Amino acid sequence: MLGLAPLGGLYAPLSDEEARAALEAAWHSGIRAFDTAPHYGAGLSESRLGSLISAYPRSQMIISSKVGRLLVPANSDVEGVHGFYGTPPLSRVFDFSAAGVKRSVVESCARLGVDRLDIALIHDPDEHFAEALGQSLPALVDLRDEGVVGAIGVAMNQAGMLSRFVREAAIDCVMVAGRWSLLDRGAGEELLPLCLEREVGVLVGGVFNSGILARPGPGATFDYAPAPPELLARAWRMQDVCSAQGVPLRAAALQFPLRHPAVSAVVVGARSAAEIVEDVTDFDRELTAELWEELDAN
């Protein structure tokens, strides 16, 4: 699944032409599942995905978006806010109410140019568990019953609260970012076994932990902050293991999540056609059992 935060101008502005080229490369590489959100570029990511949807068969695509943030006119400069550049003059407002969720889905569908979402996820309800459980999820159930959304779930950067949602709500899937990777296997302690037991699908994002597992050199980041020395040392050891077998570390990082039977898909972001080709090539590399054993030992 292609994650579309980069196409919303994450870290640096991206032209419409560059975004279009990346989406077309994804399509021609066989990618048919796309994950976006109102948060990604204040709607820019969704609008850009809409351009692809208009050019290719909608029936062949899986479109995932999120709820929990509404977009409203900005009253100040928004350039660089939340790390996104070149975005529309809109601000994000948390809203996990039933009305806010239903409005969010309607507005996302309008930006995408579709009449339904295949997956709708509650986005980052870290400080809003009760409201998400009591209002957002029932609203998504209503929309699912109406055929406006397909699978429903929750997307977070932590495993603990996702486990609570799986235990306390009838959801179809979760998206966990950064907590099931070569360097951070926290989701494997409770969340993944629980999802497997309850037949809840798992989408795994953040497989590079924001960069360290893609290129573990000076200045590498882990969870969007400078990587601690001990994690950087582990990443270097893993890179050495991969290099000895003639494969890049990023290939192992991409393929690692699917080793667990609970995981349905890996969500990977890219901002150019070249990055997409690189990701697809690495995802298709054959990695040996011996390599996994050595990586697990690190």
Protein backbone atom coordinates (compact mmCIF):
# COMPACT_ATOMS: atom_id res chain seq x y z
CA MET A 1 0.00 0.00 0.00
CA LEU A 2 1.38 3.41 -0.96
CA GLY A 3 1.34 5.98 1.83
CA LEU A 4 0.60 9.43 0.49
CA ALA A 5 1.85 11.76 3.23
CA PRO A 6 4.88 12.70 1.05
CA LEU A 7 2.54 13.71 -1.78
CA GLY A 8 1.01 16.24 0.60
CA GLY A 9 4.31 18.11 0.73
CA LEU A 10 5.81 16.40 3.77
CA TYR A 11 9.21 17.98 4.59
CA ALA A 12 9.36 19.90 1.29
CA PRO A 13 6.96 21.22 -1.35
CA LEU A 14 6.12 18.92 -4.23
CA SER A 15 4.72 20.04 -7.56
CA ASP A 16 1.54 18.64 -9.05
CA GLU A 17 3.62 17.22 -11.90
CA GLU A 18 5.98 15.40 -9.53
CA ALA A 19 3.07 14.01 -7.55
CA ARG A 20 1.34 12.86 -10.71
CA ALA A 21 4.51 11.12 -11.92
CA ALA A 22 4.84 9.30 -8.59
CA LEU A 23 1.23 8.12 -8.67
CA GLU A 24 1.51 6.93 -12.25
CA ALA A 25 4.72 5.05 -11.41
CA ALA A 26 2.90 3.38 -8.54
CA TRP A 27 0.04 2.35 -10.79
CA HIS A 28 2.33 0.97 -13.47
CA SER A 29 4.30 -0.90 -10.80
CA GLY A 30 1.14 -2.76 -9.84
CA ILE A 31 0.27 -0.82 -6.68
CA ARG A 32 -3.49 -0.62 -6.25
CA ALA A 33 -3.88 0.35 -2.57
CA PHE A 34 -3.41 3.96 -1.43
CA ASP A 35 -3.50 5.46 2.05
CA THR A 36 -4.14 9.16 2.58
CA ALA A 37 -5.67 11.53 5.14
CA PRO A 38 -6.97 15.09 5.46
CA HIS A 39 -3.94 15.76 7.67
CA TYR A 40 -1.52 15.06 4.81
CA GLY A 41 -0.95 18.48 3.30
CA ALA A 42 -4.28 19.85 4.56
CA GLY A 43 -6.19 17.89 1.92
CA LEU A 44 -3.53 18.19 -0.78
CA SER A 45 -2.67 14.48 -0.68
CA GLU A 46 -6.32 13.50 -1.11
CA SER A 47 -6.82 15.92 -3.99
CA ARG A 48 -3.74 14.63 -5.78
CA LEU A 49 -4.88 11.04 -5.37
CA GLY A 50 -8.19 12.15 -6.86
CA SER A 51 -6.38 12.94 -10.09
CA LEU A 52 -5.24 9.32 -10.35
CA ILE A 53 -8.69 7.98 -9.56
CA SER A 54 -10.14 10.00 -12.40
CA ALA A 55 -7.70 8.45 -14.89
CA TYR A 56 -7.82 4.77 -13.86
CA PRO A 57 -10.56 2.27 -12.93
CA ARG A 58 -11.86 3.00 -9.44
CA SER A 59 -12.99 -0.62 -9.08
CA GLN A 60 -9.36 -1.75 -9.15
CA MET A 61 -8.27 0.51 -6.26
CA ILE A 62 -8.36 0.31 -2.49
CA ILE A 63 -8.63 3.82 -1.05
CA SER A 64 -7.94 4.40 2.64
CA SER A 65 -8.42 7.75 4.38
CA LYS A 66 -8.89 8.96 7.92
CA VAL A 67 -11.12 10.90 10.27
CA GLY A 68 -10.48 12.95 13.41
CA ARG A 69 -9.21 16.17 11.86
CA LEU A 70 -11.41 18.66 10.04
CA LEU A 71 -9.98 21.31 7.74
CA VAL A 72 -11.01 24.93 8.27
CA PRO A 73 -9.83 28.25 6.76
CA ALA A 74 -6.51 29.29 8.26
CA ASN A 75 -6.10 32.62 10.05
CA SER A 76 -2.29 32.59 9.82
CA ASP A 77 0.56 31.36 7.64
CA VAL A 78 0.38 27.58 7.30
CA GLU A 79 3.65 26.98 5.42
CA GLY A 80 5.54 24.21 7.19
CA VAL A 81 2.87 23.58 9.80
CA HIS A 82 3.09 19.93 10.94
CA GLY A 83 5.97 19.53 8.49
CA PHE A 84 3.92 20.07 5.31
CA TYR A 85 4.80 22.61 2.64
CA GLY A 86 3.00 24.07 -0.36
CA THR A 87 -0.39 23.27 1.10
CA PRO A 88 -3.79 25.00 0.79
CA PRO A 89 -4.47 27.78 3.36
CA LEU A 90 -6.28 25.47 5.74
CA SER A 91 -5.81 24.53 9.38
CA ARG A 92 -6.53 21.21 11.08
CA VAL A 93 -8.96 20.96 13.97
CA PHE A 94 -9.35 17.77 15.99
CA ASP A 95 -12.95 16.56 15.92
CA PHE A 96 -13.83 13.01 16.95
CA SER A 97 -17.55 13.69 17.34
CA ALA A 98 -20.04 11.66 15.33
CA ALA A 99 -20.98 14.74 13.30
CA GLY A 100 -17.33 15.60 12.73
CA VAL A 101 -16.53 12.09 11.54
CA LYS A 102 -19.41 12.05 9.06
CA ARG A 103 -18.47 15.50 7.79
CA SER A 104 -14.85 14.40 7.42
CA VAL A 105 -15.80 11.42 5.26
CA VAL A 106 -18.02 13.57 3.04
CA GLU A 107 -15.26 16.13 2.56
CA SER A 108 -12.60 13.48 1.91
CA CYS A 109 -14.79 11.86 -0.72
CA ALA A 110 -15.28 15.25 -2.38
CA ARG A 111 -11.52 15.89 -2.53
CA LEU A 112 -10.92 12.38 -3.85
CA GLY A 113 -13.79 12.53 -6.33
CA VAL A 114 -15.33 9.28 -5.06
CA ASP A 115 -18.58 8.23 -3.44
CA ARG A 116 -17.09 5.84 -0.88
CA LEU A 117 -13.93 4.92 1.02
CA ASP A 118 -12.74 1.33 1.11
CA ILE A 119 -11.09 1.90 4.50
CA ALA A 120 -11.82 4.65 7.05
CA LEU A 121 -9.50 4.98 10.04
CA ILE A 122 -9.70 7.12 13.17
CA HIS A 123 -6.45 9.11 13.04
CA ASP A 124 -4.29 9.61 16.16
CA PRO A 125 -6.93 9.59 18.92
CA ASP A 126 -4.20 9.44 21.59
CA GLU A 127 -5.82 12.10 23.78
CA HIS A 128 -9.37 11.28 22.71
CA PHE A 129 -9.91 7.59 23.46
CA ALA A 130 -13.34 7.93 25.07
CA GLU A 131 -14.72 10.15 22.31
CA ALA A 132 -13.27 7.97 19.58
CA LEU A 133 -14.76 4.86 21.15
CA GLY A 134 -18.11 6.40 22.02
CA GLN A 135 -18.72 8.67 19.01
CA SER A 136 -16.27 8.18 16.15
CA LEU A 137 -16.62 4.42 15.90
CA PRO A 138 -20.44 4.33 16.04
CA ALA A 139 -20.48 7.00 13.30
CA LEU A 140 -18.18 4.87 11.16
CA VAL A 141 -20.42 1.85 11.78
CA ASP A 142 -23.37 3.89 10.51
CA LEU A 143 -21.41 4.87 7.41
CA ARG A 144 -20.34 1.27 6.88
CA ASP A 145 -23.95 0.13 7.11
CA GLU A 146 -24.85 2.76 4.51
CA GLY A 147 -22.08 1.58 2.17
CA VAL A 148 -20.21 4.90 2.35
CA VAL A 149 -17.17 3.23 3.90
CA GLY A 150 -15.92 -0.34 3.87
CA ALA A 151 -13.57 -1.53 6.60
CA ILE A 152 -13.27 0.66 9.71
CA GLY A 153 -10.48 0.95 12.25
CA VAL A 154 -7.91 3.09 13.99
CA ALA A 155 -4.49 4.42 12.93
CA MET A 156 -1.86 5.31 15.54
CA ASN A 157 1.86 5.50 16.26
CA GLN A 158 1.47 3.42 19.40
CA ALA A 159 0.48 -0.18 20.04
CA GLY A 160 -0.96 0.08 23.55
CA MET A 161 -4.09 2.07 22.77
CA LEU A 162 -4.64 0.16 19.55
CA SER A 163 -4.83 -2.98 21.68
CA ARG A 164 -7.53 -1.30 23.78
CA PHE A 165 -9.55 -0.52 20.67
CA VAL A 166 -9.25 -4.11 19.46
CA ARG A 167 -10.40 -5.42 22.85
CA GLU A 168 -13.26 -2.95 23.36
CA ALA A 169 -14.65 -2.31 19.86
CA ALA A 170 -15.75 -4.31 16.83
CA ILE A 171 -13.26 -2.92 14.31
CA ASP A 172 -12.06 -4.46 11.07
CA CYS A 173 -8.44 -3.29 11.04
CA VAL A 174 -5.73 -1.19 12.64
CA MET A 175 -2.82 0.74 11.20
CA VAL A 176 0.24 0.79 13.46
CA ALA A 177 3.15 3.02 12.50
CA GLY A 178 6.71 2.46 13.67
CA ARG A 179 5.94 -0.17 16.31
CA TRP A 180 6.52 -3.28 14.20
CA SER A 181 9.88 -2.81 12.55
CA LEU A 182 13.37 -4.25 12.61
CA LEU A 183 14.26 -1.83 15.41
CA ASP A 184 10.98 -1.58 17.34
CA ARG A 185 8.96 -4.77 17.81
CA GLY A 186 6.62 -3.47 20.47
CA ALA A 187 3.46 -4.34 18.55
CA GLY A 188 4.46 -7.99 18.64
CA GLU A 189 4.02 -8.20 22.41
CA GLU A 190 0.22 -7.79 22.56
CA LEU A 191 -1.30 -6.04 19.56
CA LEU A 192 -0.41 -8.47 16.78
CA PRO A 193 -1.35 -11.65 18.68
CA LEU A 194 -4.62 -9.99 19.72
CA CYS A 195 -5.43 -8.98 16.15
CA LEU A 196 -4.64 -12.48 14.92
CA GLU A 197 -6.92 -13.99 17.55
CA ARG A 198 -9.80 -11.62 16.75
CA GLU A 199 -9.28 -11.59 12.98
CA VAL A 200 -8.55 -7.87 12.86
CA GLY A 201 -6.43 -6.88 9.87
CA VAL A 202 -3.14 -5.09 10.51
CA LEU A 203 -1.60 -2.46 8.24
CA VAL A 204 1.97 -1.58 9.20
CA GLY A 205 3.47 1.83 8.44
CA GLY A 206 6.68 3.54 9.48
CA VAL A 207 8.82 0.55 8.49
CA PHE A 208 11.92 2.76 8.24
CA ASN A 209 11.21 4.39 11.63
CA SER A 210 11.25 7.79 9.87
CA GLY A 211 14.58 7.20 8.14
CA ILE A 212 17.12 5.30 10.19
CA LEU A 213 16.37 1.97 8.49
CA ALA A 214 16.44 3.48 5.02
CA ARG A 215 19.82 5.19 5.29
CA PRO A 216 21.45 4.75 8.72
CA GLY A 217 24.14 7.38 8.36
CA PRO A 218 25.01 10.61 10.20
CA GLY A 219 21.92 12.66 10.92
CA ALA A 220 19.59 9.65 10.69
CA THR A 221 16.26 10.05 12.46
CA PHE A 222 14.19 7.66 14.55
CA ASP A 223 10.53 8.61 15.01
CA TYR A 224 11.24 12.06 13.52
CA ALA A 225 13.98 12.94 16.02
CA PRO A 226 17.77 12.42 15.93
CA ALA A 227 18.42 8.70 16.36
CA PRO A 228 19.87 7.73 19.76
CA PRO A 229 23.42 6.29 19.52
CA GLU A 230 22.35 2.82 20.64
CA LEU A 231 19.69 2.55 17.93
CA LEU A 232 22.06 3.90 15.31
CA ALA A 233 24.59 1.25 16.33
CA ARG A 234 21.96 -1.49 15.96
CA ALA A 235 21.00 -0.17 12.54
CA TRP A 236 24.63 -0.20 11.45
CA ARG A 237 25.00 -3.81 12.62
CA MET A 238 21.90 -4.77 10.65
CA GLN A 239 23.21 -2.95 7.62
CA ASP A 240 26.45 -4.92 7.86
CA VAL A 241 24.48 -8.18 8.01
CA CYS A 242 22.52 -7.23 4.90
CA SER A 243 25.59 -5.99 3.03
CA ALA A 244 27.32 -9.33 3.62
CA GLN A 245 24.50 -10.97 1.70
CA GLY A 246 24.40 -8.33 -1.00
CA VAL A 247 21.05 -6.79 -0.12
CA PRO A 248 20.18 -3.30 1.14
CA LEU A 249 18.95 -2.85 4.70
CA ARG A 250 15.85 -1.07 3.38
CA ALA A 251 14.78 -4.30 1.64
CA ALA A 252 14.76 -6.16 4.94
CA ALA A 253 12.93 -3.26 6.62
CA LEU A 254 10.25 -3.33 3.93
CA GLN A 255 9.70 -7.05 4.10
CA PHE A 256 10.01 -7.55 7.86
CA PRO A 257 6.39 -6.74 8.88
CA LEU A 258 4.85 -9.44 6.69
CA ARG A 259 6.74 -12.13 8.57
CA HIS A 260 3.95 -11.97 11.17
CA PRO A 261 0.71 -13.72 10.12
CA ALA A 262 -1.46 -10.92 11.55
CA VAL A 263 -0.08 -8.36 9.09
CA SER A 264 -2.13 -7.79 5.94
CA ALA A 265 -0.11 -5.06 4.25
CA VAL A 266 2.86 -2.73 4.53
CA VAL A 267 2.28 0.99 4.02
CA VAL A 268 5.26 2.80 2.52
CA GLY A 269 5.49 6.46 1.55
CA ALA A 270 7.31 7.83 -1.49
CA ARG A 271 7.56 11.26 -3.08
CA SER A 272 8.92 10.40 -6.52
CA ALA A 273 8.67 7.83 -9.28
CA ALA A 274 12.28 6.81 -8.59
CA GLU A 275 11.55 6.11 -4.91
CA ILE A 276 8.55 3.97 -5.85
CA VAL A 277 10.60 1.91 -8.29
CA GLU A 278 13.27 1.47 -5.59
CA ASP A 279 10.69 0.37 -3.02
CA VAL A 280 9.05 -2.13 -5.36
CA THR A 281 12.45 -3.57 -6.33
CA ASP A 282 13.46 -3.96 -2.68
CA PHE A 283 10.11 -5.44 -1.71
CA ASP A 284 10.52 -8.13 -4.37
CA ARG A 285 14.06 -9.17 -3.40
CA GLU A 286 14.51 -12.71 -2.13
CA LEU A 287 15.88 -12.73 1.41
CA THR A 288 17.24 -15.87 3.03
CA ALA A 289 16.25 -17.50 6.29
CA GLU A 290 19.86 -17.08 7.42
CA LEU A 291 19.59 -13.32 6.92
CA TRP A 292 16.47 -13.11 9.08
CA GLU A 293 18.13 -15.18 11.80
CA GLU A 294 21.08 -12.83 11.91
CA LEU A 295 18.88 -9.73 11.92
CA ASP A 296 16.73 -11.15 14.71
CA ALA A 297 19.89 -11.64 16.77
CA ASN A 298 20.62 -7.92 16.57
